[in-house]
């Protein structure tokens, strides 16, 4: 039986780092052996780059993330070059991440 893959986008990763989603936090903290969590270096870069100095960011969450989530190269996975993170993209991601889950 093949494991299910769940792709984490930058907004979801930022939610995890900021602690604004119990669902994503549980997915990562309580590793599910029936599901592989995957992302790209671009999404991780965007999430980390969207953190502000005043955010309550716990570095241990990054360590756990890297332990549980398979991070692939955007170039290898999607054949695209990474892009530079813009202020507009940071604001877009922060709006997503700071919105509480329904």
PDB file of N, CA and C in Angstrom:
ATOM      1  N   UNK A   1       0.840  -1.194   0.000  1.00  0.00           N
ATOM      2  CA  UNK A   1       0.000   0.000   0.000  1.00  0.00           C
ATOM      3  C   UNK A   1       0.882   1.254   0.000  1.00  0.00           C
ATOM      4  N   UNK A   2       0.577   2.174  -0.905  1.00  0.00           N
ATOM      5  CA  UNK A   2       1.367   3.393  -1.008  1.00  0.00           C
ATOM      6  C   UNK A   2       0.856   4.438  -0.015  1.00  0.00           C
ATOM      7  N   UNK A   3       1.821   5.116   0.617  1.00  0.00           N
ATOM      8  CA  UNK A   3       1.463   6.159   1.573  1.00  0.00           C
ATOM      9  C   UNK A   3       0.859   7.357   0.854  1.00  0.00           C
ATOM     10  N   UNK A   4      -0.048   8.014   1.538  1.00  0.00           N
ATOM     11  CA  UNK A   4      -0.634   9.253   1.037  1.00  0.00           C
ATOM     12  C   UNK A   4       0.382  10.371   1.254  1.00  0.00           C
ATOM     13  N   UNK A   5       0.474  11.309   0.306  1.00  0.00           N
ATOM     14  CA  UNK A   5       1.374  12.454   0.446  1.00  0.00           C
ATOM     15  C   UNK A   5       0.551  13.714   0.658  1.00  0.00           C
ATOM     16  N   UNK A   6       0.996  14.528   1.596  1.00  0.00           N
ATOM     17  CA  UNK A   6       0.347  15.806   1.842  1.00  0.00           C
ATOM     18  C   UNK A   6       1.386  16.895   1.618  1.00  0.00           C
ATOM     19  N   UNK A   7       1.109  17.784   0.661  1.00  0.00           N
ATOM     20  CA  UNK A   7       2.034  18.853   0.318  1.00  0.00           C
ATOM     21  C   UNK A   7       1.728  20.075   1.182  1.00  0.00           C
ATOM     22  N   UNK A   8       2.741  20.570   1.874  1.00  0.00           N
ATOM     23  CA  UNK A   8       2.575  21.753   2.717  1.00  0.00           C
ATOM     24  C   UNK A   8       3.069  22.985   1.974  1.00  0.00           C
ATOM     25  N   UNK A   9       2.166  23.936   1.756  1.00  0.00           N
ATOM     26  CA  UNK A   9       2.526  25.195   1.116  1.00  0.00           C
ATOM     27  C   UNK A   9       3.099  26.150   2.162  1.00  0.00           C
ATOM     28  N   UNK A  10       3.678  27.234   1.690  1.00  0.00           N
ATOM     29  CA  UNK A  10       4.330  28.209   2.574  1.00  0.00           C
ATOM     30  C   UNK A  10       3.394  28.730   3.660  1.00  0.00           C
ATOM     31  N   UNK A  11       2.142  29.006   3.318  1.00  0.00           N
ATOM     32  CA  UNK A  11       1.187  29.515   4.304  1.00  0.00           C
ATOM     33  C   UNK A  11       0.944  28.532   5.433  1.00  0.00           C
ATOM     34  N   UNK A  12       0.841  27.251   5.094  1.00  0.00           N
ATOM     35  CA  UNK A  12       0.636  26.212   6.112  1.00  0.00           C
ATOM     36  C   UNK A  12       1.875  26.066   6.997  1.00  0.00           C
ATOM     37  N   UNK A  13       3.050  26.151   6.382  1.00  0.00           N
ATOM     38  CA  UNK A  13       4.290  26.056   7.157  1.00  0.00           C
ATOM     39  C   UNK A  13       4.392  27.232   8.129  1.00  0.00           C
ATOM     40  N   UNK A  14       4.063  28.423   7.657  1.00  0.00           N
ATOM     41  CA  UNK A  14       4.103  29.601   8.524  1.00  0.00           C
ATOM     42  C   UNK A  14       3.090  29.470   9.658  1.00  0.00           C
ATOM     43  N   UNK A  15       1.916  28.915   9.372  1.00  0.00           N
ATOM     44  CA  UNK A  15       0.923  28.666  10.431  1.00  0.00           C
ATOM     45  C   UNK A  15       1.529  27.774  11.512  1.00  0.00           C
ATOM     46  N   UNK A  16       2.232  26.742  11.100  1.00  0.00           N
ATOM     47  CA  UNK A  16       2.884  25.839  12.057  1.00  0.00           C
ATOM     48  C   UNK A  16       3.917  26.593  12.891  1.00  0.00           C
ATOM     49  N   UNK A  17       4.773  27.375  12.236  1.00  0.00           N
ATOM     50  CA  UNK A  17       5.808  28.118  12.959  1.00  0.00           C
ATOM     51  C   UNK A  17       5.217  29.135  13.933  1.00  0.00           C
ATOM     52  N   UNK A  18       4.078  29.726  13.571  1.00  0.00           N
ATOM     53  CA  UNK A  18       3.446  30.737  14.431  1.00  0.00           C
ATOM     54  C   UNK A  18       2.467  30.133  15.430  1.00  0.00           C
ATOM     55  N   UNK A  19       2.171  28.844  15.271  1.00  0.00           N
ATOM     56  CA  UNK A  19       1.257  28.181  16.200  1.00  0.00           C
ATOM     57  C   UNK A  19      -0.191  28.593  16.033  1.00  0.00           C
ATOM     58  N   UNK A  20      -0.611  28.924  14.803  1.00  0.00           N
ATOM     59  CA  UNK A  20      -1.985  29.375  14.591  1.00  0.00           C
ATOM     60  C   UNK A  20      -2.897  28.295  14.017  1.00  0.00           C
ATOM     61  N   UNK A  21      -2.390  27.069  13.897  1.00  0.00           N
ATOM     62  CA  UNK A  21      -3.225  25.974  13.394  1.00  0.00           C
ATOM     63  C   UNK A  21      -2.963  24.705  14.193  1.00  0.00           C
ATOM     64  N   UNK A  22      -3.939  24.343  15.007  1.00  0.00           N
ATOM     65  CA  UNK A  22      -3.819  23.098  15.782  1.00  0.00           C
ATOM     66  C   UNK A  22      -3.741  21.889  14.856  1.00  0.00           C
ATOM     67  N   UNK A  23      -4.465  21.947  13.739  1.00  0.00           N
ATOM     68  CA  UNK A  23      -4.499  20.828  12.792  1.00  0.00           C
ATOM     69  C   UNK A  23      -3.105  20.576  12.196  1.00  0.00           C
ATOM     70  N   UNK A  24      -2.461  21.619  11.721  1.00  0.00           N
ATOM     71  CA  UNK A  24      -1.129  21.470  11.120  1.00  0.00           C
ATOM     72  C   UNK A  24      -0.110  21.105  12.193  1.00  0.00           C
ATOM     73  N   UNK A  25      -0.237  21.711  13.356  1.00  0.00           N
ATOM     74  CA  UNK A  25       0.659  21.407  14.470  1.00  0.00           C
ATOM     75  C   UNK A  25       0.580  19.914  14.819  1.00  0.00           C
ATOM     76  N   UNK A  26      -0.628  19.383  14.896  1.00  0.00           N
ATOM     77  CA  UNK A  26      -0.833  17.969  15.217  1.00  0.00           C
ATOM     78  C   UNK A  26      -0.247  17.071  14.123  1.00  0.00           C
ATOM     79  N   UNK A  27      -0.461  17.440  12.852  1.00  0.00           N
ATOM     80  CA  UNK A  27       0.081  16.657  11.737  1.00  0.00           C
ATOM     81  C   UNK A  27       1.597  16.496  11.848  1.00  0.00           C
ATOM     82  N   UNK A  28       2.269  17.592  12.223  1.00  0.00           N
ATOM     83  CA  UNK A  28       3.730  17.567  12.272  1.00  0.00           C
ATOM     84  C   UNK A  28       4.234  16.982  13.588  1.00  0.00           C
ATOM     85  N   UNK A  29       3.671  17.400  14.698  1.00  0.00           N
ATOM     86  CA  UNK A  29       4.155  16.960  16.005  1.00  0.00           C
ATOM     87  C   UNK A  29       3.844  15.481  16.277  1.00  0.00           C
ATOM     88  N   UNK A  30       2.719  14.999  15.765  1.00  0.00           N
ATOM     89  CA  UNK A  30       2.317  13.606  15.984  1.00  0.00           C
ATOM     90  C   UNK A  30       2.445  12.850  14.671  1.00  0.00           C
ATOM     91  N   UNK A  31       3.625  12.670  14.228  1.00  0.00           N
ATOM     92  CA  UNK A  31       3.930  12.049  12.927  1.00  0.00           C
ATOM     93  C   UNK A  31       3.001  10.871  12.643  1.00  0.00           C
ATOM     94  N   UNK A  32       2.370  10.914  11.470  1.00  0.00           N
ATOM     95  CA  UNK A  32       1.452   9.872  11.028  1.00  0.00           C
ATOM     96  C   UNK A  32       2.215   8.961  10.065  1.00  0.00           C
ATOM     97  N   UNK A  33       2.365   7.704  10.406  1.00  0.00           N
ATOM     98  CA  UNK A  33       3.133   6.781   9.576  1.00  0.00           C
ATOM     99  C   UNK A  33       2.430   6.393   8.279  1.00  0.00           C
ATOM    100  N   UNK A  34       1.158   6.764   8.130  1.00  0.00           N
ATOM    101  CA  UNK A  34       0.421   6.443   6.913  1.00  0.00           C
ATOM    102  C   UNK A  34       0.431   7.594   5.924  1.00  0.00           C
ATOM    103  N   UNK A  35       1.068   8.709   6.289  1.00  0.00           N
ATOM    104  CA  UNK A  35       1.072   9.882   5.436  1.00  0.00           C
ATOM    105  C   UNK A  35       2.466  10.508   5.423  1.00  0.00           C
ATOM    106  N   UNK A  36       2.941  10.847   4.229  1.00  0.00           N
ATOM    107  CA  UNK A  36       4.204  11.552   4.091  1.00  0.00           C
ATOM    108  C   UNK A  36       3.921  13.036   3.910  1.00  0.00           C
ATOM    109  N   UNK A  37       4.569  13.857   4.711  1.00  0.00           N
ATOM    110  CA  UNK A  37       4.460  15.308   4.568  1.00  0.00           C
ATOM    111  C   UNK A  37       5.619  15.772   3.705  1.00  0.00           C
ATOM    112  N   UNK A  38       5.314  16.553   2.669  1.00  0.00           N
ATOM    113  CA  UNK A  38       6.338  17.015   1.751  1.00  0.00           C
ATOM    114  C   UNK A  38       6.172  18.502   1.469  1.00  0.00           C
ATOM    115  N   UNK A  39       7.269  19.134   1.092  1.00  0.00           N
ATOM    116  CA  UNK A  39       7.256  20.538   0.682  1.00  0.00           C
ATOM    117  C   UNK A  39       8.481  20.779  -0.178  1.00  0.00           C
ATOM    118  N   UNK A  40       8.639  22.024  -0.628  1.00  0.00           N
ATOM    119  CA  UNK A  40       9.835  22.377  -1.396  1.00  0.00           C
ATOM    120  C   UNK A  40      10.667  23.376  -0.605  1.00  0.00           C
ATOM    121  N   UNK A  41      11.917  23.504  -1.019  1.00  0.00           N
ATOM    122  CA  UNK A  41      12.792  24.487  -0.389  1.00  0.00           C
ATOM    123  C   UNK A  41      12.229  25.898  -0.558  1.00  0.00           C
ATOM    124  N   UNK A  42      11.541  26.162  -1.667  1.00  0.00           N
ATOM    125  CA  UNK A  42      10.944  27.485  -1.903  1.00  0.00           C
ATOM    126  C   UNK A  42       9.877  27.788  -0.850  1.00  0.00           C
ATOM    127  N   UNK A  43       9.000  26.815  -0.571  1.00  0.00           N
ATOM    128  CA  UNK A  43       7.944  27.042   0.428  1.00  0.00           C
ATOM    129  C   UNK A  43       8.527  27.238   1.826  1.00  0.00           C
ATOM    130  N   UNK A  44       9.543  26.458   2.171  1.00  0.00           N
ATOM    131  CA  UNK A  44      10.186  26.612   3.477  1.00  0.00           C
ATOM    132  C   UNK A  44      10.876  27.972   3.570  1.00  0.00           C
ATOM    133  N   UNK A  45      11.572  28.365   2.514  1.00  0.00           N
ATOM    134  CA  UNK A  45      12.236  29.668   2.439  1.00  0.00           C
ATOM    135  C   UNK A  45      11.227  30.806   2.622  1.00  0.00           C
ATOM    136  N   UNK A  46      10.087  30.719   1.935  1.00  0.00           N
ATOM    137  CA  UNK A  46       9.072  31.765   2.036  1.00  0.00           C
ATOM    138  C   UNK A  46       8.495  31.839   3.449  1.00  0.00           C
ATOM    139  N   UNK A  47       8.250  30.686   4.065  1.00  0.00           N
ATOM    140  CA  UNK A  47       7.704  30.671   5.428  1.00  0.00           C
ATOM    141  C   UNK A  47       8.695  31.269   6.419  1.00  0.00           C
ATOM    142  N   UNK A  48       9.949  30.829   6.351  1.00  0.00           N
ATOM    143  CA  UNK A  48      10.972  31.362   7.265  1.00  0.00           C
ATOM    144  C   UNK A  48      11.207  32.851   7.017  1.00  0.00           C
ATOM    145  N   UNK A  49      11.198  33.252   5.756  1.00  0.00           N
ATOM    146  CA  UNK A  49      11.413  34.655   5.409  1.00  0.00           C
ATOM    147  C   UNK A  49      10.259  35.554   5.792  1.00  0.00           C
ATOM    148  N   UNK A  50       9.104  34.977   6.110  1.00  0.00           N
ATOM    149  CA  UNK A  50       7.930  35.759   6.486  1.00  0.00           C
ATOM    150  C   UNK A  50       7.808  35.950   7.996  1.00  0.00           C
ATOM    151  N   UNK A  51       8.701  35.325   8.748  1.00  0.00           N
ATOM    152  CA  UNK A  51       8.699  35.526  10.199  1.00  0.00           C
ATOM    153  C   UNK A  51       9.213  36.927  10.518  1.00  0.00           C
ATOM    154  N   UNK A  52       8.614  37.544  11.503  1.00  0.00           N
ATOM    155  CA  UNK A  52       9.031  38.881  11.949  1.00  0.00           C
ATOM    156  C   UNK A  52       9.780  38.746  13.276  1.00  0.00           C
ATOM    157  N   UNK A  53      10.588  39.748  13.599  1.00  0.00           N
ATOM    158  CA  UNK A  53      11.362  39.738  14.844  1.00  0.00           C
ATOM    159  C   UNK A  53      10.471  39.566  16.076  1.00  0.00           C
ATOM    160  N   UNK A  54       9.267  40.116  16.025  1.00  0.00           N
ATOM    161  CA  UNK A  54       8.375  40.081  17.189  1.00  0.00           C
ATOM    162  C   UNK A  54       7.542  38.798  17.280  1.00  0.00           C
ATOM    163  N   UNK A  55       7.641  37.919  16.287  1.00  0.00           N
ATOM    164  CA  UNK A  55       6.904  36.650  16.341  1.00  0.00           C
ATOM    165  C   UNK A  55       7.495  35.749  17.417  1.00  0.00           C
ATOM    166  N   UNK A  56       6.634  34.964  18.011  1.00  0.00           N
ATOM    167  CA  UNK A  56       7.059  34.018  19.032  1.00  0.00           C
ATOM    168  C   UNK A  56       7.471  32.721  18.332  1.00  0.00           C
ATOM    169  N   UNK A  57       8.640  32.743  17.683  1.00  0.00           N
ATOM    170  CA  UNK A  57       9.111  31.607  16.903  1.00  0.00           C
ATOM    171  C   UNK A  57      10.043  30.748  17.745  1.00  0.00           C
ATOM    172  N   UNK A  58       9.708  29.473  17.836  1.00  0.00           N
ATOM    173  CA  UNK A  58      10.494  28.520  18.603  1.00  0.00           C
ATOM    174  C   UNK A  58      11.337  27.701  17.620  1.00  0.00           C
ATOM    175  N   UNK A  59      12.641  27.810  17.710  1.00  0.00           N
ATOM    176  CA  UNK A  59      13.529  27.100  16.785  1.00  0.00           C
ATOM    177  C   UNK A  59      13.345  25.590  16.829  1.00  0.00           C
ATOM    178  N   UNK A  60      12.905  25.060  17.963  1.00  0.00           N
ATOM    179  CA  UNK A  60      12.673  23.617  18.058  1.00  0.00           C
ATOM    180  C   UNK A  60      11.578  23.165  17.091  1.00  0.00           C
ATOM    181  N   UNK A  61      10.651  24.081  16.753  1.00  0.00           N
ATOM    182  CA  UNK A  61       9.616  23.745  15.770  1.00  0.00           C
ATOM    183  C   UNK A  61      10.229  23.541  14.389  1.00  0.00           C
ATOM    184  N   UNK A  62      11.247  24.314  14.066  1.00  0.00           N
ATOM    185  CA  UNK A  62      11.945  24.143  12.795  1.00  0.00           C
ATOM    186  C   UNK A  62      12.662  22.795  12.772  1.00  0.00           C
ATOM    187  N   UNK A  63      13.301  22.452  13.872  1.00  0.00           N
ATOM    188  CA  UNK A  63      14.002  21.171  13.962  1.00  0.00           C
ATOM    189  C   UNK A  63      13.004  20.019  13.770  1.00  0.00           C
ATOM    190  N   UNK A  64      11.867  20.079  14.438  1.00  0.00           N
ATOM    191  CA  UNK A  64      10.842  19.035  14.304  1.00  0.00           C
ATOM    192  C   UNK A  64      10.318  18.983  12.872  1.00  0.00           C
ATOM    193  N   UNK A  65      10.113  20.148  12.279  1.00  0.00           N
ATOM    194  CA  UNK A  65       9.648  20.225  10.902  1.00  0.00           C
ATOM    195  C   UNK A  65      10.614  19.492   9.966  1.00  0.00           C
ATOM    196  N   UNK A  66      11.902  19.774  10.125  1.00  0.00           N
ATOM    197  CA  UNK A  66      12.914  19.151   9.269  1.00  0.00           C
ATOM    198  C   UNK A  66      13.040  17.649   9.526  1.00  0.00           C
ATOM    199  N   UNK A  67      12.693  17.235  10.725  1.00  0.00           N
ATOM    200  CA  UNK A  67      12.718  15.813  11.069  1.00  0.00           C
ATOM    201  C   UNK A  67      11.579  15.055  10.385  1.00  0.00           C
ATOM    202  N   UNK A  68      10.419  15.696  10.276  1.00  0.00           N
ATOM    203  CA  UNK A  68       9.199  15.023   9.837  1.00  0.00           C
ATOM    204  C   UNK A  68       8.863  15.254   8.362  1.00  0.00           C
ATOM    205  N   UNK A  69       9.176  16.439   7.842  1.00  0.00           N
ATOM    206  CA  UNK A  69       8.750  16.816   6.496  1.00  0.00           C
ATOM    207  C   UNK A  69       9.889  16.626   5.492  1.00  0.00           C
ATOM    208  N   UNK A  70       9.579  15.991   4.389  1.00  0.00           N
ATOM    209  CA  UNK A  70      10.564  15.819   3.322  1.00  0.00           C
ATOM    210  C   UNK A  70      10.606  17.110   2.507  1.00  0.00           C
ATOM    211  N   UNK A  71      11.772  17.736   2.454  1.00  0.00           N
ATOM    212  CA  UNK A  71      11.938  18.988   1.723  1.00  0.00           C
ATOM    213  C   UNK A  71      12.682  18.694   0.423  1.00  0.00           C
ATOM    214  N   UNK A  72      12.004  18.935  -0.687  1.00  0.00           N
ATOM    215  CA  UNK A  72      12.608  18.692  -1.993  1.00  0.00           C
ATOM    216  C   UNK A  72      12.975  20.001  -2.673  1.00  0.00           C
ATOM    217  N   UNK A  73      13.883  19.934  -3.592  1.00  0.00           N
ATOM    218  CA  UNK A  73      14.299  21.090  -4.366  1.00  0.00           C
ATOM    219  C   UNK A  73      13.191  21.471  -5.349  1.00  0.00           C
ATOM    220  N   UNK A  74      12.836  22.742  -5.391  1.00  0.00           N
ATOM    221  CA  UNK A  74      11.818  23.214  -6.324  1.00  0.00           C
ATOM    222  C   UNK A  74      12.237  22.905  -7.758  1.00  0.00           C
ATOM    223  N   UNK A  75      13.506  23.067  -8.033  1.00  0.00           N
ATOM    224  CA  UNK A  75      14.014  22.805  -9.382  1.00  0.00           C
ATOM    225  C   UNK A  75      13.859  21.327  -9.743  1.00  0.00           C
ATOM    226  N   UNK A  76      14.164  20.450  -8.802  1.00  0.00           N
ATOM    227  CA  UNK A  76      14.059  19.019  -9.058  1.00  0.00           C
ATOM    228  C   UNK A  76      12.600  18.547  -9.085  1.00  0.00           C
ATOM    229  N   UNK A  77      11.792  19.057  -8.178  1.00  0.00           N
ATOM    230  CA  UNK A  77      10.408  18.604  -8.050  1.00  0.00           C
ATOM    231  C   UNK A  77       9.512  19.177  -9.149  1.00  0.00           C
ATOM    232  N   UNK A  78       9.635  20.477  -9.404  1.00  0.00           N
ATOM    233  CA  UNK A  78       8.731  21.131 -10.358  1.00  0.00           C
ATOM    234  C   UNK A  78       9.431  21.708 -11.580  1.00  0.00           C
ATOM    235  N   UNK A  79      10.750  21.597 -11.628  1.00  0.00           N
ATOM    236  CA  UNK A  79      11.484  22.117 -12.776  1.00  0.00           C
ATOM    237  C   UNK A  79      11.527  23.624 -12.859  1.00  0.00           C
ATOM    238  N   UNK A  80      11.305  24.294 -11.726  1.00  0.00           N
ATOM    239  CA  UNK A  80      11.282  25.762 -11.696  1.00  0.00           C
ATOM    240  C   UNK A  80      12.443  26.290 -10.860  1.00  0.00           C
ATOM    241  N   UNK A  81      12.860  27.499 -11.175  1.00  0.00           N
ATOM    242  CA  UNK A  81      13.876  28.183 -10.375  1.00  0.00           C
ATOM    243  C   UNK A  81      13.191  28.831  -9.172  1.00  0.00           C
ATOM    244  N   UNK A  82      13.918  28.931  -8.071  1.00  0.00           N
ATOM    245  CA  UNK A  82      13.377  29.624  -6.905  1.00  0.00           C
ATOM    246  C   UNK A  82      13.245  31.113  -7.207  1.00  0.00           C
ATOM    247  N   UNK A  83      12.298  31.740  -6.530  1.00  0.00           N
ATOM    248  CA  UNK A  83      12.081  33.175  -6.704  1.00  0.00           C
ATOM    249  C   UNK A  83      12.444  33.908  -5.418  1.00  0.00           C
ATOM    250  N   UNK A  84      12.727  35.188  -5.561  1.00  0.00           N
ATOM    251  CA  UNK A  84      13.050  36.035  -4.407  1.00  0.00           C
ATOM    252  C   UNK A  84      11.756  36.395  -3.680  1.00  0.00           C
ATOM    253  N   UNK A  85      11.807  36.381  -2.374  1.00  0.00           N
ATOM    254  CA  UNK A  85      10.645  36.694  -1.543  1.00  0.00           C
ATOM    255  C   UNK A  85      10.404  38.201  -1.522  1.00  0.00           C
ATOM    256  N   UNK A  86       9.214  38.624  -1.937  1.00  0.00           N
ATOM    257  CA  UNK A  86       8.866  40.050  -1.967  1.00  0.00           C
ATOM    258  C   UNK A  86       8.089  40.436  -0.708  1.00  0.00           C
ATOM    259  N   UNK A  87       8.044  41.729  -0.429  1.00  0.00           N
ATOM    260  CA  UNK A  87       7.267  42.226   0.717  1.00  0.00           C
ATOM    261  C   UNK A  87       5.787  41.885   0.544  1.00  0.00           C
ATOM    262  N   UNK A  88       5.309  41.943  -0.691  1.00  0.00           N
ATOM    263  CA  UNK A  88       3.905  41.619  -0.975  1.00  0.00           C
ATOM    264  C   UNK A  88       3.607  40.159  -0.637  1.00  0.00           C
ATOM    265  N   UNK A  89       4.530  39.273  -1.008  1.00  0.00           N
ATOM    266  CA  UNK A  89       4.350  37.847  -0.723  1.00  0.00           C
ATOM    267  C   UNK A  89       4.373  37.597   0.782  1.00  0.00           C
ATOM    268  N   UNK A  90       5.260  38.283   1.504  1.00  0.00           N
ATOM    269  CA  UNK A  90       5.318  38.150   2.968  1.00  0.00           C
ATOM    270  C   UNK A  90       3.972  38.546   3.572  1.00  0.00           C
ATOM    271  N   UNK A  91       3.430  39.672   3.138  1.00  0.00           N
ATOM    272  CA  UNK A  91       2.143  40.135   3.682  1.00  0.00           C
ATOM    273  C   UNK A  91       1.022  39.152   3.352  1.00  0.00           C
ATOM    274  N   UNK A  92       1.045  38.607   2.141  1.00  0.00           N
ATOM    275  CA  UNK A  92       0.055  37.611   1.725  1.00  0.00           C
ATOM    276  C   UNK A  92       0.128  36.367   2.616  1.00  0.00           C
ATOM    277  N   UNK A  93       1.339  35.881   2.856  1.00  0.00           N
ATOM    278  CA  UNK A  93       1.515  34.687   3.688  1.00  0.00           C
ATOM    279  C   UNK A  93       1.133  34.951   5.137  1.00  0.00           C
ATOM    280  N   UNK A  94       1.457  36.123   5.639  1.00  0.00           N
ATOM    281  CA  UNK A  94       1.128  36.447   7.034  1.00  0.00           C
ATOM    282  C   UNK A  94      -0.390  36.554   7.220  1.00  0.00           C
ATOM    283  N   UNK A  95      -1.103  37.047   6.223  1.00  0.00           N
ATOM    284  CA  UNK A  95      -2.575  37.106   6.298  1.00  0.00           C
ATOM    285  C   UNK A  95      -3.137  35.694   6.407  1.00  0.00           C
ATOM    286  N   UNK A  96      -2.572  34.784   5.595  1.00  0.00           N
ATOM    287  CA  UNK A  96      -3.015  33.377   5.627  1.00  0.00           C
ATOM    288  C   UNK A  96      -2.707  32.766   6.991  1.00  0.00           C
ATOM    289  N   UNK A  97      -1.491  32.970   7.455  1.00  0.00           N
ATOM    290  CA  UNK A  97      -1.017  32.301   8.681  1.00  0.00           C
ATOM    291  C   UNK A  97      -1.668  32.849   9.940  1.00  0.00           C
ATOM    292  N   UNK A  98      -1.983  34.114   9.959  1.00  0.00           N
ATOM    293  CA  UNK A  98      -2.540  34.701  11.173  1.00  0.00           C
ATOM    294  C   UNK A  98      -4.058  34.554  11.271  1.00  0.00           C
ATOM    295  N   UNK A  99      -4.676  34.033  10.217  1.00  0.00           N
ATOM    296  CA  UNK A  99      -6.109  33.763  10.238  1.00  0.00           C
ATOM    297  C   UNK A  99      -6.316  32.433  10.955  1.00  0.00           C
ATOM    298  N   UNK A 100      -7.124  32.442  11.975  1.00  0.00           N
ATOM    299  CA  UNK A 100      -7.381  31.222  12.746  1.00  0.00           C
ATOM    300  C   UNK A 100      -8.144  30.219  11.904  1.00  0.00           C
ATOM    301  N   UNK A 101      -7.841  28.934  12.107  1.00  0.00           N
ATOM    302  CA  UNK A 101      -8.563  27.863  11.413  1.00  0.00           C
ATOM    303  C   UNK A 101     -10.017  27.882  11.817  1.00  0.00           C
ATOM    304  N   UNK A 102     -10.864  27.490  10.879  1.00  0.00           N
ATOM    305  CA  UNK A 102     -12.313  27.428  11.176  1.00  0.00           C
ATOM    306  C   UNK A 102     -12.664  26.165  11.928  1.00  0.00           C
TER     307      UNK A 102
END
